[in-house]
Amino acid sequence: MDALGEVVLDADILAESIDCETLRTLRQCIIQAIVDIEQAESYE
């Protein structure tokens, strides 16, 4: 955390702590978010 209490992500720490399963999960979350945004935009 920085002085303002915000979480600061360090690339080295992330690289050490993220495994393939976590990356797959993140990928699926991102894909779903994109699908949700595209659907919401199509309703406008």
N, C-alpha and C. Protein backbone atom coordinates (compact mmCIF):
# COMPACT_ATOMS: atom_id res chain seq x y z
N MET A 1 0.83 -1.18 0.00
CA MET A 1 0.00 0.00 0.00
C MET A 1 0.88 1.24 0.00
N ASP A 2 0.35 2.26 -0.66
CA ASP A 2 1.10 3.50 -0.67
C ASP A 2 0.64 4.40 0.49
N ALA A 3 1.14 5.61 0.54
CA ALA A 3 0.83 6.54 1.63
C ALA A 3 -0.66 6.88 1.70
N LEU A 4 -1.36 6.77 0.59
CA LEU A 4 -2.79 7.09 0.56
C LEU A 4 -3.66 5.87 0.88
N GLY A 5 -3.02 4.75 1.16
CA GLY A 5 -3.76 3.53 1.49
C GLY A 5 -4.24 2.76 0.27
N GLU A 6 -3.75 3.14 -0.91
CA GLU A 6 -4.13 2.45 -2.13
C GLU A 6 -3.19 1.26 -2.36
N VAL A 7 -3.76 0.20 -2.91
CA VAL A 7 -2.95 -0.98 -3.19
C VAL A 7 -2.10 -0.72 -4.41
N VAL A 8 -0.82 -0.99 -4.29
CA VAL A 8 0.12 -0.83 -5.40
C VAL A 8 0.57 -2.23 -5.81
N LEU A 9 0.35 -2.56 -7.08
CA LEU A 9 0.72 -3.88 -7.55
C LEU A 9 2.13 -3.85 -8.13
N ASP A 10 2.94 -4.74 -7.66
CA ASP A 10 4.31 -4.86 -8.13
C ASP A 10 4.37 -6.05 -9.09
N ALA A 11 4.89 -5.84 -10.28
CA ALA A 11 4.92 -6.88 -11.30
C ALA A 11 5.69 -8.11 -10.84
N ASP A 12 6.77 -7.93 -10.12
CA ASP A 12 7.56 -9.07 -9.66
C ASP A 12 6.78 -9.92 -8.65
N ILE A 13 6.10 -9.26 -7.75
CA ILE A 13 5.30 -9.99 -6.75
C ILE A 13 4.16 -10.74 -7.45
N LEU A 14 3.51 -10.08 -8.40
CA LEU A 14 2.44 -10.75 -9.14
C LEU A 14 2.94 -11.96 -9.90
N ALA A 15 4.09 -11.82 -10.54
CA ALA A 15 4.66 -12.92 -11.32
C ALA A 15 4.98 -14.12 -10.43
N GLU A 16 5.37 -13.86 -9.22
CA GLU A 16 5.71 -14.94 -8.30
C GLU A 16 4.48 -15.61 -7.71
N SER A 17 3.37 -14.89 -7.63
CA SER A 17 2.22 -15.42 -6.88
C SER A 17 1.07 -15.91 -7.76
N ILE A 18 1.09 -15.65 -9.05
CA ILE A 18 -0.01 -16.06 -9.91
C ILE A 18 0.36 -17.33 -10.66
N ASP A 19 -0.50 -18.33 -10.53
CA ASP A 19 -0.28 -19.58 -11.25
C ASP A 19 -1.20 -19.64 -12.48
N CYS A 20 -1.09 -20.71 -13.23
CA CYS A 20 -1.86 -20.84 -14.48
C CYS A 20 -3.36 -20.84 -14.23
N GLU A 21 -3.80 -21.50 -13.18
CA GLU A 21 -5.23 -21.55 -12.87
C GLU A 21 -5.76 -20.14 -12.58
N THR A 22 -5.00 -19.36 -11.86
CA THR A 22 -5.40 -17.99 -11.57
C THR A 22 -5.47 -17.18 -12.85
N LEU A 23 -4.51 -17.35 -13.73
CA LEU A 23 -4.52 -16.64 -15.00
C LEU A 23 -5.74 -17.02 -15.85
N ARG A 24 -6.09 -18.30 -15.85
CA ARG A 24 -7.29 -18.74 -16.58
C ARG A 24 -8.54 -18.09 -16.01
N THR A 25 -8.62 -18.04 -14.69
CA THR A 25 -9.77 -17.42 -14.04
C THR A 25 -9.86 -15.94 -14.37
N LEU A 26 -8.73 -15.25 -14.31
CA LEU A 26 -8.71 -13.82 -14.66
C LEU A 26 -9.14 -13.61 -16.10
N ARG A 27 -8.65 -14.46 -16.98
CA ARG A 27 -9.00 -14.37 -18.40
C ARG A 27 -10.50 -14.53 -18.59
N GLN A 28 -11.09 -15.52 -17.93
CA GLN A 28 -12.53 -15.74 -18.06
C GLN A 28 -13.32 -14.55 -17.51
N CYS A 29 -12.86 -13.97 -16.42
CA CYS A 29 -13.54 -12.79 -15.85
C CYS A 29 -13.49 -11.62 -16.83
N ILE A 30 -12.35 -11.41 -17.45
CA ILE A 30 -12.20 -10.32 -18.41
C ILE A 30 -13.09 -10.55 -19.62
N ILE A 31 -13.11 -11.78 -20.12
CA ILE A 31 -13.96 -12.10 -21.27
C ILE A 31 -15.42 -11.85 -20.92
N GLN A 32 -15.85 -12.28 -19.74
CA GLN A 32 -17.25 -12.08 -19.34
C GLN A 32 -17.57 -10.60 -19.21
N ALA A 33 -16.65 -9.83 -18.67
CA ALA A 33 -16.87 -8.39 -18.54
C ALA A 33 -17.02 -7.74 -19.90
N ILE A 34 -16.21 -8.14 -20.86
CA ILE A 34 -16.31 -7.59 -22.22
C ILE A 34 -17.66 -7.96 -22.84
N VAL A 35 -18.07 -9.20 -22.67
CA VAL A 35 -19.37 -9.64 -23.20
C VAL A 35 -20.49 -8.83 -22.57
N ASP A 36 -20.44 -8.63 -21.25
CA ASP A 36 -21.47 -7.85 -20.56
C ASP A 36 -21.52 -6.41 -21.07
N ILE A 37 -20.36 -5.81 -21.28
CA ILE A 37 -20.31 -4.43 -21.78
C ILE A 37 -20.88 -4.35 -23.19
N GLU A 38 -20.51 -5.29 -24.03
CA GLU A 38 -21.02 -5.29 -25.41
C GLU A 38 -22.53 -5.47 -25.44
N GLN A 39 -23.05 -6.33 -24.57
CA GLN A 39 -24.51 -6.53 -24.51
C GLN A 39 -25.20 -5.28 -24.02
N ALA A 40 -24.65 -4.64 -23.01
CA ALA A 40 -25.25 -3.41 -22.49
C ALA A 40 -25.25 -2.32 -23.54
N GLU A 41 -24.18 -2.22 -24.32
CA GLU A 41 -24.11 -1.21 -25.37
C GLU A 41 -25.11 -1.50 -26.50
N SER A 42 -25.39 -2.77 -26.74
CA SER A 42 -26.33 -3.09 -27.82
C SER A 42 -27.77 -2.75 -27.44
N TYR A 43 -28.06 -2.62 -26.14
CA TYR A 43 -29.40 -2.27 -25.68
C TYR A 43 -29.65 -0.77 -25.73
N GLU A 44 -28.58 0.01 -25.86
CA GLU A 44 -28.73 1.48 -25.85
C GLU A 44 -29.27 2.00 -27.16
